Every structure is written in structure tokens, then in C-alpha cells.
N, C-alpha and C. Protein backbone atom coordinates (compact mmCIF):
# COMPACT_ATOMS: atom_id res chain seq x y z
N MET A 1 7.44 -6.08 -2.34
CA MET A 1 6.72 -6.34 -1.21
C MET A 1 6.55 -5.27 -0.22
N ASN A 2 5.25 -5.77 0.11
CA ASN A 2 4.07 -5.11 1.02
C ASN A 2 4.54 -5.49 2.68
N LEU A 3 5.20 -4.37 3.25
CA LEU A 3 5.43 -4.19 4.71
C LEU A 3 4.14 -4.35 5.42
N GLY A 4 4.29 -5.06 6.33
CA GLY A 4 3.31 -5.28 7.72
C GLY A 4 2.50 -6.62 7.33
N THR A 5 2.53 -7.45 6.12
CA THR A 5 1.49 -8.30 6.67
C THR A 5 1.20 -8.95 8.02
N SER A 6 2.37 -9.54 8.36
CA SER A 6 2.16 -10.25 9.80
C SER A 6 1.71 -9.75 10.59
N LEU A 7 2.14 -8.19 10.70
CA LEU A 7 1.68 -7.50 12.08
C LEU A 7 0.07 -7.27 11.80
N SER A 8 -0.46 -6.93 10.83
CA SER A 8 -2.21 -7.11 10.41
C SER A 8 -2.38 -8.05 10.33
N GLU A 9 -2.13 -9.27 10.32
CA GLU A 9 -2.51 -10.83 10.23
C GLU A 9 -2.41 -10.66 12.20
N GLY A 10 -1.66 -10.45 12.87
CA GLY A 10 -1.87 -10.59 14.25
C GLY A 10 -2.47 -9.41 14.60
N THR A 11 -2.56 -8.59 14.28
CA THR A 11 -3.61 -7.99 14.48
C THR A 11 -5.17 -8.40 14.68
N GLU A 12 -5.58 -8.57 13.74
CA GLU A 12 -6.89 -9.06 13.21
C GLU A 12 -7.56 -10.10 14.38
N ARG A 13 -5.94 -11.28 14.54
CA ARG A 13 -6.45 -12.40 15.34
C ARG A 13 -7.05 -11.83 17.03
N ALA A 14 -5.65 -11.12 17.32
CA ALA A 14 -5.90 -9.62 18.52
C ALA A 14 -7.05 -9.04 18.50
N GLN A 15 -7.70 -9.09 17.97
CA GLN A 15 -8.92 -8.09 17.37
C GLN A 15 -9.96 -9.17 18.30
N ARG A 16 -9.50 -10.60 16.98
CA ARG A 16 -11.19 -11.38 17.77
C ARG A 16 -10.67 -11.96 19.14
N VAL A 17 -9.93 -11.94 19.34
CA VAL A 17 -9.56 -12.75 20.95
C VAL A 17 -10.13 -11.47 22.14
N PHE A 18 -9.64 -9.86 21.77
CA PHE A 18 -10.05 -9.28 22.76
C PHE A 18 -11.60 -8.83 22.64
N ALA A 19 -12.19 -8.98 21.29
CA ALA A 19 -13.50 -9.09 21.45
C ALA A 19 -14.38 -10.18 22.09
N ARG A 20 -13.58 -11.13 22.06
CA ARG A 20 -14.08 -12.23 23.21
C ARG A 20 -14.01 -12.03 24.33
N ARG A 21 -12.63 -11.59 24.53
CA ARG A 21 -12.15 -11.85 25.91
C ARG A 21 -12.33 -10.11 26.28
N PRO A 22 -12.18 -9.47 26.74
CA PRO A 22 -11.70 -7.94 26.49
C PRO A 22 -11.00 -8.14 27.98
N LYS A 23 -10.75 -8.79 28.94
CA LYS A 23 -9.88 -8.77 29.65
C LYS A 23 -7.96 -9.06 29.22
N ALA A 24 -8.01 -9.74 28.34
CA ALA A 24 -7.03 -10.34 27.71
C ALA A 24 -6.09 -9.31 26.73
N GLY A 25 -6.29 -8.21 26.94
CA GLY A 25 -6.46 -7.29 26.44
C GLY A 25 -5.08 -6.49 27.38
N LEU A 26 -5.71 -6.31 28.68
CA LEU A 26 -5.26 -5.51 29.75
C LEU A 26 -3.33 -5.69 30.01
N VAL A 27 -2.86 -5.59 30.20
CA VAL A 27 -1.77 -6.09 30.64
C VAL A 27 -0.76 -4.78 31.44
N THR A 28 0.19 -5.43 31.95
CA THR A 28 0.99 -4.16 33.33
C THR A 28 2.34 -5.01 32.29
N ALA A 29 3.10 -4.19 31.49
CA ALA A 29 4.68 -4.19 31.59
C ALA A 29 5.75 -3.92 32.31
N ARG A 30 6.79 -4.02 32.93
CA ARG A 30 7.88 -3.55 33.85
C ARG A 30 9.30 -3.29 32.86
N ALA A 31 9.68 -2.35 33.12
CA ALA A 31 11.27 -2.07 32.84
C ALA A 31 11.97 -2.24 33.71
N THR A 32 13.36 -2.39 33.57
CA THR A 32 13.77 -2.16 35.33
C THR A 32 14.94 -2.25 34.68
N ALA A 33 15.87 -0.75 35.18
CA ALA A 33 17.35 -0.14 35.18
C ALA A 33 18.47 -0.52 36.26
N GLU A 34 19.39 -1.31 35.95
CA GLU A 34 20.27 -0.91 37.25
C GLU A 34 21.53 -0.16 36.89
N LEU A 35 22.47 0.59 37.58
CA LEU A 35 23.32 1.48 37.33
C LEU A 35 24.91 0.59 37.37
N THR A 36 25.04 0.22 36.28
CA THR A 36 26.09 -0.71 36.44
C THR A 36 27.51 -0.65 36.52
N SER A 37 27.92 1.15 36.26
CA SER A 37 29.36 1.46 36.33
C SER A 37 29.59 2.54 37.50
N GLU A 38 30.45 3.29 37.48
CA GLU A 38 30.80 4.52 38.28
C GLU A 38 30.49 5.81 37.07
N ARG A 39 30.19 5.51 35.97
CA ARG A 39 29.55 6.53 35.22
C ARG A 39 28.23 6.63 35.28
N ALA A 40 27.70 6.45 33.56
CA ALA A 40 26.13 6.93 33.46
C ALA A 40 25.70 5.59 33.02
N ARG A 41 26.47 4.32 32.67
CA ARG A 41 25.88 2.99 31.85
C ARG A 41 24.79 2.39 33.13
N ALA A 42 23.48 2.23 32.52
CA ALA A 42 22.36 1.71 33.30
C ALA A 42 22.41 0.34 31.86
N THR A 43 21.95 -1.19 32.51
CA THR A 43 21.79 -2.42 32.73
C THR A 43 20.26 -2.39 32.25
N VAL A 44 19.35 -1.98 30.85
CA VAL A 44 17.67 -1.84 31.18
C VAL A 44 17.14 -3.19 30.60
N GLN A 45 16.22 -3.75 31.23
CA GLN A 45 15.97 -5.14 30.95
C GLN A 45 14.46 -5.10 30.69
N MET A 46 13.73 -5.26 29.55
CA MET A 46 12.73 -5.33 29.32
C MET A 46 11.82 -6.29 28.93
N GLY A 47 11.20 -7.08 29.79
CA GLY A 47 10.86 -8.60 29.30
C GLY A 47 11.99 -9.29 29.17
N SER A 48 12.40 -9.91 27.46
CA SER A 48 13.30 -11.13 27.40
C SER A 48 14.43 -10.17 26.88
N HIS A 49 14.28 -8.67 27.04
CA HIS A 49 15.49 -7.96 25.96
C HIS A 49 16.25 -7.02 26.94
N GLN A 50 17.28 -6.97 26.76
CA GLN A 50 18.27 -6.76 27.60
C GLN A 50 19.24 -5.19 26.86
N LEU A 51 19.18 -4.29 27.04
CA LEU A 51 20.27 -2.94 26.41
C LEU A 51 20.87 -2.26 27.51
N GLU A 52 22.05 -1.72 27.01
CA GLU A 52 22.54 -0.50 27.39
C GLU A 52 22.43 0.54 27.49
N ALA A 53 21.93 1.48 28.21
CA ALA A 53 21.84 2.43 28.17
C ALA A 53 22.78 3.69 28.45
N ASP A 54 23.13 4.77 27.86
CA ASP A 54 24.17 5.56 28.48
C ASP A 54 24.27 6.43 28.19
N SER A 55 25.56 7.51 28.67
CA SER A 55 25.16 8.99 28.35
C SER A 55 26.17 9.36 27.82
N PRO A 56 26.48 10.57 26.74
CA PRO A 56 27.50 10.80 25.85
C PRO A 56 28.60 11.09 27.16
N PRO A 57 29.69 11.44 26.89
CA PRO A 57 31.05 11.27 27.33
C PRO A 57 31.19 13.02 28.75
N PRO A 58 30.25 14.19 27.37
CA PRO A 58 30.63 15.27 28.23
C PRO A 58 29.45 15.12 29.47
N LEU A 59 28.47 14.35 29.44
CA LEU A 59 27.59 14.58 30.57
C LEU A 59 27.47 13.26 31.96
N GLY A 60 29.03 12.89 31.37
CA GLY A 60 29.51 11.54 32.54
C GLY A 60 29.36 10.32 32.19
N GLY A 61 29.09 9.96 30.83
CA GLY A 61 29.00 8.25 30.24
C GLY A 61 30.20 8.25 29.18
N ASP A 62 30.45 6.57 28.57
CA ASP A 62 30.97 6.33 28.27
C ASP A 62 30.18 6.64 26.63
N GLY A 63 29.41 6.93 26.50
CA GLY A 63 28.84 6.91 24.86
C GLY A 63 28.33 5.52 24.48
N ILE A 64 28.47 4.65 25.01
CA ILE A 64 28.07 2.75 24.44
C ILE A 64 27.21 2.71 24.10
N GLY A 65 25.90 3.34 24.39
CA GLY A 65 24.60 2.80 24.30
C GLY A 65 23.51 4.17 24.10
N PRO A 66 22.37 3.90 23.62
CA PRO A 66 21.26 5.50 23.55
C PRO A 66 21.05 5.79 24.89
N THR A 67 20.96 6.71 24.51
CA THR A 67 20.35 7.85 26.11
C THR A 67 18.93 7.16 26.37
N PRO A 68 18.84 7.59 27.57
CA PRO A 68 16.78 7.54 27.93
C PRO A 68 16.27 7.97 26.38
N GLY A 69 16.29 9.63 26.47
CA GLY A 69 15.80 10.09 25.20
C GLY A 69 15.87 9.68 24.10
N ASP A 70 16.93 8.83 23.66
CA ASP A 70 17.29 8.15 22.45
C ASP A 70 16.24 6.74 22.09
N LEU A 71 16.04 6.45 23.59
CA LEU A 71 14.86 5.33 23.87
C LEU A 71 13.66 5.76 23.69
N ILE A 72 12.98 6.93 23.89
CA ILE A 72 11.88 7.40 23.97
C ILE A 72 11.68 7.93 22.62
N ARG A 73 12.67 8.08 22.13
CA ARG A 73 12.59 8.67 20.58
C ARG A 73 11.97 7.73 19.40
N GLY A 74 13.03 6.21 19.58
CA GLY A 74 12.90 5.38 19.09
C GLY A 74 11.78 4.47 19.65
N ALA A 75 11.12 4.71 20.29
CA ALA A 75 9.98 3.99 20.56
C ALA A 75 8.96 4.62 19.92
N LEU A 76 9.06 6.13 19.66
CA LEU A 76 8.17 6.63 19.18
C LEU A 76 8.02 6.09 17.93
N ALA A 77 9.31 6.61 17.13
CA ALA A 77 9.48 5.81 15.64
C ALA A 77 9.25 4.82 15.39
N ALA A 78 9.62 3.86 16.44
CA ALA A 78 9.28 2.48 15.68
C ALA A 78 7.87 1.64 16.02
N CYS A 79 6.86 2.54 16.59
CA CYS A 79 5.71 2.17 17.29
C CYS A 79 4.67 2.78 15.87
N LEU A 80 4.89 3.63 15.57
CA LEU A 80 4.12 4.38 14.17
C LEU A 80 4.72 3.98 13.19
N ALA A 81 6.17 3.03 12.70
CA ALA A 81 6.03 2.38 11.56
C ALA A 81 5.45 1.02 11.97
N MET A 82 5.31 1.16 12.76
CA MET A 82 4.84 -0.16 13.07
C MET A 82 3.11 -0.53 13.09
N ASN A 83 2.68 0.84 13.84
CA ASN A 83 1.31 0.89 12.99
C ASN A 83 1.23 0.92 11.90
N TYR A 84 1.72 2.16 10.85
CA TYR A 84 1.27 2.24 9.82
C TYR A 84 1.15 1.13 9.06
N ALA A 85 1.95 -0.36 9.12
CA ALA A 85 1.93 -1.26 8.42
C ALA A 85 0.89 -2.00 8.81
N MET A 86 0.71 -2.01 9.94
CA MET A 86 -0.71 -2.99 10.85
C MET A 86 -1.87 -3.10 9.91
N HIS A 87 -1.88 -1.25 9.95
CA HIS A 87 -2.87 -0.80 9.65
C HIS A 87 -3.43 -0.90 8.02
N ALA A 88 -2.40 -0.44 6.99
CA ALA A 88 -2.27 -0.48 6.15
C ALA A 88 -3.47 -1.06 4.84
N PRO A 89 -3.36 -2.79 5.25
CA PRO A 89 -4.26 -3.40 4.55
C PRO A 89 -6.10 -3.14 4.84
N ARG A 90 -6.36 -2.50 5.59
CA ARG A 90 -7.33 -2.09 6.17
C ARG A 90 -7.89 -0.78 5.18
N PHE A 91 -6.78 -0.28 5.06
CA PHE A 91 -7.52 1.03 4.06
C PHE A 91 -7.09 0.89 2.33
N GLY A 92 -6.44 -0.31 2.01
CA GLY A 92 -6.26 -1.05 0.76
C GLY A 92 -5.23 -0.17 0.54
N VAL A 93 -3.80 -0.16 1.33
CA VAL A 93 -2.89 0.72 0.79
C VAL A 93 -1.61 -0.09 0.90
N ASN A 94 -0.76 -0.65 0.24
CA ASN A 94 0.44 -1.14 -0.44
C ASN A 94 1.89 0.10 0.12
N LEU A 95 2.41 -0.44 1.45
CA LEU A 95 2.93 0.59 1.44
C LEU A 95 5.02 -0.63 1.12
N THR A 96 5.18 0.49 0.70
CA THR A 96 6.85 -0.62 0.20
C THR A 96 8.02 0.18 0.91
N GLY A 97 7.26 1.20 1.42
CA GLY A 97 8.79 1.81 2.18
C GLY A 97 8.39 2.72 3.43
N ILE A 98 8.37 2.44 4.77
CA ILE A 98 8.03 3.68 5.95
C ILE A 98 9.45 4.02 6.83
N ASP A 99 9.40 5.18 6.28
CA ASP A 99 10.53 5.78 7.16
C ASP A 99 9.68 6.78 8.12
N VAL A 100 10.11 6.34 9.72
CA VAL A 100 9.88 8.12 10.70
C VAL A 100 11.14 8.21 11.23
N ALA A 101 11.11 9.78 11.15
CA ALA A 101 11.93 10.19 11.96
C ALA A 101 11.23 11.20 13.28
N VAL A 102 11.75 11.06 14.49
CA VAL A 102 11.60 11.90 15.40
C VAL A 102 12.38 12.52 15.90
N ASP A 103 12.11 14.32 16.33
CA ASP A 103 13.40 15.20 16.59
C ASP A 103 12.23 15.81 17.89
N THR A 104 13.41 16.20 18.94
CA THR A 104 12.80 16.49 20.61
C THR A 104 13.68 17.49 20.64
N ASP A 105 13.32 18.89 21.79
CA ASP A 105 13.87 19.73 22.01
C ASP A 105 14.08 19.43 23.36
N ILE A 106 15.08 20.00 23.91
CA ILE A 106 15.41 19.57 25.21
C ILE A 106 16.24 20.62 25.59
N ASP A 107 16.16 20.77 26.93
CA ASP A 107 17.22 21.99 27.52
C ASP A 107 18.23 21.27 28.42
N LEU A 108 19.65 20.27 28.08
CA LEU A 108 20.20 20.00 29.10
C LEU A 108 20.47 20.55 30.65
N GLY A 109 20.42 22.06 30.37
CA GLY A 109 20.98 22.31 31.32
C GLY A 109 19.62 22.24 32.71
N ARG A 110 18.54 22.29 32.49
CA ARG A 110 17.32 21.70 33.42
C ARG A 110 17.70 20.48 34.02
N MET A 111 18.04 19.24 33.14
CA MET A 111 18.04 18.59 33.63
C MET A 111 19.95 18.36 34.33
N ALA A 112 20.73 19.49 34.50
CA ALA A 112 22.02 19.53 34.97
C ALA A 112 21.84 20.33 36.74
N GLY A 113 20.49 20.87 36.57
CA GLY A 113 19.88 21.27 37.88
C GLY A 113 19.77 22.74 37.98
N LEU A 114 20.51 23.22 36.61
CA LEU A 114 20.02 24.77 36.76
C LEU A 114 18.72 25.14 36.37
N GLU A 115 18.14 26.43 37.12
CA GLU A 115 17.01 26.86 36.98
C GLU A 115 16.85 27.79 35.59
N ARG A 116 15.55 27.48 34.88
CA ARG A 116 15.72 27.84 33.84
C ARG A 116 14.03 27.67 33.12
N ASP A 117 13.74 28.58 32.55
CA ASP A 117 12.34 28.61 32.28
C ASP A 117 11.93 27.49 30.68
N GLN A 118 12.15 26.84 31.73
CA GLN A 118 11.93 25.57 30.56
C GLN A 118 11.90 24.03 31.21
N PRO A 119 11.31 23.30 30.69
CA PRO A 119 10.51 22.16 31.31
C PRO A 119 12.01 20.78 31.14
N VAL A 120 12.08 20.29 32.43
CA VAL A 120 13.02 19.65 32.45
C VAL A 120 13.22 18.68 31.63
N GLY A 121 12.30 18.10 31.19
CA GLY A 121 12.32 17.00 29.76
C GLY A 121 11.59 17.57 28.46
N PHE A 122 11.08 16.83 27.39
CA PHE A 122 11.13 17.48 26.10
C PHE A 122 10.34 18.98 26.50
N GLY A 123 10.56 19.60 25.49
CA GLY A 123 9.88 20.93 25.18
C GLY A 123 9.21 20.91 23.93
N ALA A 124 9.53 19.99 23.46
CA ALA A 124 8.94 19.46 21.85
C ALA A 124 9.27 18.24 21.38
N VAL A 125 7.89 17.32 20.58
CA VAL A 125 8.12 16.21 19.93
C VAL A 125 7.21 16.72 18.93
N ARG A 126 8.24 16.11 17.54
CA ARG A 126 7.49 16.26 16.30
C ARG A 126 8.13 14.94 15.53
N PHE A 127 7.30 14.53 14.42
CA PHE A 127 7.51 13.45 13.86
C PHE A 127 7.80 13.85 12.65
N GLU A 128 8.28 13.19 11.53
CA GLU A 128 7.83 12.85 10.09
C GLU A 128 7.93 11.80 9.62
N THR A 129 6.81 11.69 8.83
CA THR A 129 6.49 9.77 8.13
C THR A 129 7.09 10.73 6.57
N THR A 130 7.06 9.05 6.02
CA THR A 130 7.69 9.26 4.62
C THR A 130 7.80 7.55 4.47
N PHE A 131 6.79 7.66 3.66
CA PHE A 131 5.82 6.46 3.03
C PHE A 131 6.50 6.34 1.34
N THR A 132 6.26 5.43 1.25
CA THR A 132 7.00 4.62 -0.40
C THR A 132 5.39 3.88 -0.74
N SER A 133 4.86 4.37 -1.54
CA SER A 133 3.18 3.92 -2.14
C SER A 133 3.02 4.50 -3.52
N ALA A 134 2.17 3.30 -4.02
CA ALA A 134 1.65 3.73 -5.48
C ALA A 134 0.19 4.09 -5.19
N SER A 135 -0.39 3.87 -3.67
CA SER A 135 -1.92 3.46 -3.30
C SER A 135 -2.45 5.21 -3.62
N PRO A 136 -3.27 5.26 -3.60
CA PRO A 136 -3.88 6.97 -4.21
C PRO A 136 -3.53 7.55 -2.85
N GLU A 137 -3.31 8.56 -2.79
CA GLU A 137 -2.82 9.23 -1.78
C GLU A 137 -4.25 9.73 -0.28
N ASP A 138 -5.43 10.00 -1.08
CA ASP A 138 -6.16 9.72 -0.23
C ASP A 138 -6.48 8.99 0.81
N LYS A 139 -5.77 7.45 0.46
CA LYS A 139 -6.04 6.28 0.99
C LYS A 139 -4.65 6.72 2.13
N VAL A 140 -4.18 6.59 1.77
CA VAL A 140 -2.25 7.22 2.62
C VAL A 140 -2.83 7.75 3.09
N ARG A 141 -3.00 8.97 3.64
CA ARG A 141 -3.49 9.89 4.44
C ARG A 141 -4.56 9.56 5.67
N GLU A 142 -5.66 8.49 5.02
CA GLU A 142 -6.85 8.35 5.94
C GLU A 142 -5.50 7.34 6.93
N LEU A 143 -5.14 6.24 6.41
CA LEU A 143 -4.47 4.95 6.93
C LEU A 143 -3.15 5.94 8.10
N ALA A 144 -2.97 7.12 7.85
CA ALA A 144 -1.65 7.52 8.38
C ALA A 144 -2.67 8.33 9.71
N GLU A 145 -3.32 9.18 9.51
CA GLU A 145 -4.49 9.44 10.30
C GLU A 145 -4.98 8.83 11.34
N TYR A 146 -5.33 7.23 10.92
CA TYR A 146 -5.67 6.45 11.64
C TYR A 146 -4.80 5.93 12.56
N ALA A 147 -3.53 5.39 11.88
CA ALA A 147 -2.33 4.45 12.61
C ALA A 147 -2.20 5.43 13.80
N GLU A 148 -2.05 7.14 13.39
CA GLU A 148 -1.46 7.58 14.66
C GLU A 148 -2.17 7.99 15.54
N ARG A 149 -3.84 7.68 15.41
CA ARG A 149 -4.54 7.80 16.48
C ARG A 149 -4.40 6.83 17.69
N LEU A 150 -3.77 5.56 16.83
CA LEU A 150 -4.33 4.28 17.81
C LEU A 150 -2.70 4.06 17.94
N SER A 151 -1.70 4.83 18.19
CA SER A 151 -0.51 4.81 18.16
C SER A 151 -0.01 4.75 19.76
N PRO A 152 0.15 3.58 20.69
CA PRO A 152 -0.05 3.61 22.14
C PRO A 152 1.11 4.56 22.46
N THR A 153 2.14 4.86 21.87
CA THR A 153 3.25 5.55 21.63
C THR A 153 2.78 7.04 22.17
N LEU A 154 2.60 7.31 20.69
CA LEU A 154 2.32 8.77 20.64
C LEU A 154 1.08 9.35 21.66
N ASP A 155 0.42 8.63 21.96
CA ASP A 155 -0.38 8.76 22.79
C ASP A 155 -0.04 9.05 24.18
N ASP A 156 1.00 8.51 24.40
CA ASP A 156 1.18 8.11 26.34
C ASP A 156 2.04 9.87 25.92
N LEU A 157 2.97 9.91 25.32
CA LEU A 157 3.63 10.94 25.04
C LEU A 157 2.95 12.41 24.86
N ALA A 158 1.52 11.92 24.30
CA ALA A 158 0.95 13.45 23.58
C ALA A 158 -0.03 13.56 25.43
N ARG A 159 -0.68 12.57 25.96
CA ARG A 159 -1.85 12.82 27.04
C ARG A 159 -0.80 12.78 28.12
N GLY A 160 -0.98 13.79 29.46
CA GLY A 160 -0.92 13.61 30.42
C GLY A 160 -0.84 12.32 31.21
N LEU A 161 -0.01 11.59 31.51
CA LEU A 161 -0.26 10.47 32.37
C LEU A 161 0.14 10.69 34.21
N SER A 162 -0.75 9.91 34.22
CA SER A 162 -0.79 10.15 35.65
C SER A 162 0.58 8.78 36.46
N THR A 163 1.80 9.70 36.82
CA THR A 163 2.57 8.95 37.74
C THR A 163 3.03 8.99 39.30
N LYS A 164 3.60 7.88 39.18
CA LYS A 164 3.51 7.93 41.19
C LYS A 164 5.16 7.14 41.10
N GLY A 165 5.19 7.35 42.28
CA GLY A 165 7.09 6.58 42.58
C GLY A 165 7.01 6.14 43.86
N THR A 166 7.79 4.88 43.96
CA THR A 166 8.05 4.61 45.66
C THR A 166 9.76 4.54 45.70
N LEU A 167 10.03 4.39 46.99
CA LEU A 167 11.39 4.69 47.44
C LEU A 167 11.54 3.36 48.27
N THR A 168 12.21 2.47 48.14
CA THR A 168 13.08 1.49 48.90
C THR A 168 14.35 1.92 49.08
N ILE A 169 14.87 1.83 50.53
CA ILE A 169 16.38 2.02 51.09
C ILE A 169 16.73 0.74 51.53
N ARG A 170 17.87 0.38 50.80
CA ARG A 170 18.49 -0.61 51.53
C ARG A 170 19.85 -0.75 52.10
N GLN A 171 20.31 -1.05 53.31
CA GLN A 171 21.73 -1.11 53.50
C GLN A 171 22.66 -1.84 53.31
N PRO A 172 23.58 -1.34 53.22
CA PRO A 172 24.58 -2.12 52.20
C PRO A 172 25.10 -3.42 52.89
N ASP A 173 25.18 -4.72 52.55
CA ASP A 173 25.52 -5.71 52.68
C ASP A 173 27.00 -5.85 53.84
């Protein structure tokens, strides 16, 4: 089985459309989260997809869902895996297995409000990719480098983004 065939075909179609109509590729996406219990559980809505995010019991949650950090790690792992598969045909690489593991370092004490000489968020992000492939190693390495360069989630984590927020305060009913 060659992984990513439909991803590759979809990418080729998207390239044709975006080459003709560049603005068609510019999108704004939204995710929302609503705290749904006195604990740390939040219902997260991303387009038509919904999940429950939570914290582990030692941090005030019930542990019923992924933490926000888990979601970031999972997003990077999924994005990389999909990107490798998507671009493999371009390099003539047949991938029959793709495994991506993402590790992060974080000082949870900072999140809890303790003053320490560490960032509040991740101090480091590392990923390890394992391919199963009979394709030539040099082609597989070229694919990996190319797909990583075009990974939106890896780019988001590696590049400083402009972030801003707004606050609305409602009075209870």
C-alpha cells in the first residue's frame, strides 16, 4: 500500500486551482473553546469537529481528554505525517509506513504562576520521523526535507507569530 495517494491527488488539484485563483487559497479558520465544568474541561469546536480538552487530575481536571499541549503535539505529528505522504509521489518515494513522534519540554510551575527562569509554554519541541520505504535513501531524505519545509504547523511553531486578543465582559443573566 502506498500511503497518501488521495492526499497527493488533492494537493495537485489545489495547486491548479490556487495557481489560477490565488485568493482561493487564503482562508481564515476559527476554533472556539467553552469551559463546560467547574473542573478544567473545555468543549473545543473546530469547524464541524468537536472534542473535549481537559487537564489531568493533579492540575484540576478529570483527564477525560487531551490537554492543550497534547493538541499542539498531535497537530504537529499529524501535519508532518500528512505532508510526507502528500509529497512522496513528487519524489518518486513509496511510503508504506509513516510514524511521527513529537516531544515537548514544559515547566508546569510557570503555568501555575511560579516565577522561574523558563518560558510559560514549551521550552523545546522535538520530532522524530520513521518511514517504512524501499525507495532510495537520498530520495526519502529529500522528501522529508521538502515536506518539513512546507508543513504549516511546523512553520507556525518555528516562526514567531503576531498574536493579539480582545476581551468582552458580559453580565450574567
